[in-house]
Amino acid sequence: MAGNAHASTRLRVLTDTEVHCRYEVSPDRTSNVRHSVPGAIELVPVREADGWAVTRPHVEFSGCIVAAERTAEEQGGPVSRDR
């Protein structure tokens, strides 16, 4: 493949979990870079992901943890490629 072409793979999502975390500026105050607060993480299982996380008090949305598996046609069949 040339350029930025990538092989595509079909996946079936098994679980989707939102990650929410509290951040604060480092106590040394040498910079204004925020870091996650240890132990201040909330994991929220979701049934569907629509691109918008529900706001939760005292934490910010950080991303998602997704467990997935290749679909049956991907496991034994040819891999389609975007062109």
C-alpha atoms as a PDB file:
ATOM      1  CA  MET A   1       0.000   0.000   0.000  1.00  0.00           C
ATOM      2  CA  ALA A   2       1.214   3.476  -0.767  1.00  0.00           C
ATOM      3  CA  GLY A   3       0.788   6.753   1.062  1.00  0.00           C
ATOM      4  CA  ASN A   4      -1.605   6.835   3.980  1.00  0.00           C
ATOM      5  CA  ALA A   5      -3.678   3.821   2.931  1.00  0.00           C
ATOM      6  CA  HIS A   6      -4.583   1.431   5.732  1.00  0.00           C
ATOM      7  CA  ALA A   7      -6.197  -1.980   5.719  1.00  0.00           C
ATOM      8  CA  SER A   8      -9.680  -1.873   7.216  1.00  0.00           C
ATOM      9  CA  THR A   9     -10.947  -4.449   9.684  1.00  0.00           C
ATOM     10  CA  ARG A  10     -14.535  -5.067  10.754  1.00  0.00           C
ATOM     11  CA  LEU A  11     -14.986  -5.317  14.503  1.00  0.00           C
ATOM     12  CA  ARG A  12     -17.871  -6.115  16.806  1.00  0.00           C
ATOM     13  CA  VAL A  13     -17.828  -4.008  19.976  1.00  0.00           C
ATOM     14  CA  LEU A  14     -18.253  -6.166  23.077  1.00  0.00           C
ATOM     15  CA  THR A  15     -18.077  -3.474  25.757  1.00  0.00           C
ATOM     16  CA  ASP A  16     -17.661   0.303  25.835  1.00  0.00           C
ATOM     17  CA  THR A  17     -16.620   2.100  29.012  1.00  0.00           C
ATOM     18  CA  GLU A  18     -16.269   5.850  29.431  1.00  0.00           C
ATOM     19  CA  VAL A  19     -13.289   7.055  31.458  1.00  0.00           C
ATOM     20  CA  HIS A  20     -13.788  10.201  33.551  1.00  0.00           C
ATOM     21  CA  CYS A  21     -10.973  11.683  35.627  1.00  0.00           C
ATOM     22  CA  ARG A  22     -10.211  14.629  37.885  1.00  0.00           C
ATOM     23  CA  TYR A  23      -7.201  16.750  36.946  1.00  0.00           C
ATOM     24  CA  GLU A  24      -5.188  19.297  38.875  1.00  0.00           C
ATOM     25  CA  VAL A  25      -2.055  21.392  38.451  1.00  0.00           C
ATOM     26  CA  SER A  26       1.062  19.792  39.902  1.00  0.00           C
ATOM     27  CA  PRO A  27       1.619  20.747  43.568  1.00  0.00           C
ATOM     28  CA  ASP A  28       5.164  21.973  42.810  1.00  0.00           C
ATOM     29  CA  ARG A  29       3.596  24.843  40.818  1.00  0.00           C
ATOM     30  CA  THR A  30       6.550  24.974  38.399  1.00  0.00           C
ATOM     31  CA  SER A  31       4.159  24.679  35.465  1.00  0.00           C
ATOM     32  CA  ASN A  32       0.480  24.957  34.689  1.00  0.00           C
ATOM     33  CA  VAL A  33       0.290  21.448  33.198  1.00  0.00           C
ATOM     34  CA  ARG A  34      -2.610  19.464  34.620  1.00  0.00           C
ATOM     35  CA  HIS A  35      -2.179  15.834  35.673  1.00  0.00           C
ATOM     36  CA  SER A  36      -4.743  13.205  36.560  1.00  0.00           C
ATOM     37  CA  VAL A  37      -5.369  12.769  40.280  1.00  0.00           C
ATOM     38  CA  PRO A  38      -4.572   9.207  41.404  1.00  0.00           C
ATOM     39  CA  GLY A  39      -7.721   7.430  42.566  1.00  0.00           C
ATOM     40  CA  ALA A  40     -10.025  10.063  41.041  1.00  0.00           C
ATOM     41  CA  ILE A  41     -11.127   8.007  38.040  1.00  0.00           C
ATOM     42  CA  GLU A  42     -14.665   6.909  37.270  1.00  0.00           C
ATOM     43  CA  LEU A  43     -15.369   4.114  34.786  1.00  0.00           C
ATOM     44  CA  VAL A  44     -18.898   4.238  33.356  1.00  0.00           C
ATOM     45  CA  PRO A  45     -20.165   1.326  31.234  1.00  0.00           C
ATOM     46  CA  VAL A  46     -22.336   2.531  28.325  1.00  0.00           C
ATOM     47  CA  ARG A  47     -24.738   0.635  26.076  1.00  0.00           C
ATOM     48  CA  GLU A  48     -24.219   2.893  23.055  1.00  0.00           C
ATOM     49  CA  ALA A  49     -21.655   5.520  22.160  1.00  0.00           C
ATOM     50  CA  ASP A  50     -23.087   8.518  20.350  1.00  0.00           C
ATOM     51  CA  GLY A  51     -19.996  10.705  20.586  1.00  0.00           C
ATOM     52  CA  TRP A  52     -21.203  12.613  23.641  1.00  0.00           C
ATOM     53  CA  ALA A  53     -20.446  11.641  27.221  1.00  0.00           C
ATOM     54  CA  VAL A  54     -22.847  12.668  29.972  1.00  0.00           C
ATOM     55  CA  THR A  55     -21.227  15.304  32.198  1.00  0.00           C
ATOM     56  CA  ARG A  56     -20.341  13.961  35.638  1.00  0.00           C
ATOM     57  CA  PRO A  57     -19.665  16.122  38.710  1.00  0.00           C
ATOM     58  CA  HIS A  58     -16.036  16.771  39.730  1.00  0.00           C
ATOM     59  CA  VAL A  59     -14.484  14.809  36.810  1.00  0.00           C
ATOM     60  CA  GLU A  60     -13.857  15.348  33.092  1.00  0.00           C
ATOM     61  CA  PHE A  61     -14.389  12.929  30.240  1.00  0.00           C
ATOM     62  CA  SER A  62     -11.009  11.499  29.204  1.00  0.00           C
ATOM     63  CA  GLY A  63     -11.848   8.827  26.620  1.00  0.00           C
ATOM     64  CA  CYS A  64     -13.203   5.315  26.211  1.00  0.00           C
ATOM     65  CA  ILE A  65     -12.000   1.790  26.770  1.00  0.00           C
ATOM     66  CA  VAL A  66     -13.457  -0.502  24.121  1.00  0.00           C
ATOM     67  CA  ALA A  67     -13.257  -4.291  24.009  1.00  0.00           C
ATOM     68  CA  ALA A  68     -13.850  -5.653  20.509  1.00  0.00           C
ATOM     69  CA  GLU A  69     -13.347  -8.731  18.395  1.00  0.00           C
ATOM     70  CA  ARG A  70     -12.989  -9.298  14.687  1.00  0.00           C
ATOM     71  CA  THR A  71     -16.206 -10.292  13.003  1.00  0.00           C
ATOM     72  CA  ALA A  72     -16.538 -13.840  11.631  1.00  0.00           C
ATOM     73  CA  GLU A  73     -16.017 -12.731   8.024  1.00  0.00           C
ATOM     74  CA  GLU A  74     -12.768 -10.970   9.020  1.00  0.00           C
ATOM     75  CA  GLN A  75     -11.389 -13.949  10.931  1.00  0.00           C
ATOM     76  CA  GLY A  76     -11.479 -16.337   7.990  1.00  0.00           C
ATOM     77  CA  GLY A  77     -12.136 -14.219   4.956  1.00  0.00           C
ATOM     78  CA  PRO A  78     -10.253 -11.650   2.962  1.00  0.00           C
ATOM     79  CA  VAL A  79      -9.542  -8.250   4.449  1.00  0.00           C
ATOM     80  CA  SER A  80     -11.086  -5.417   2.463  1.00  0.00           C
ATOM     81  CA  ARG A  81      -8.918  -2.389   1.813  1.00  0.00           C
ATOM     82  CA  ASP A  82      -9.870   1.268   1.444  1.00  0.00           C
ATOM     83  CA  ARG A  83      -8.483   2.850  -1.694  1.00  0.00           C
END
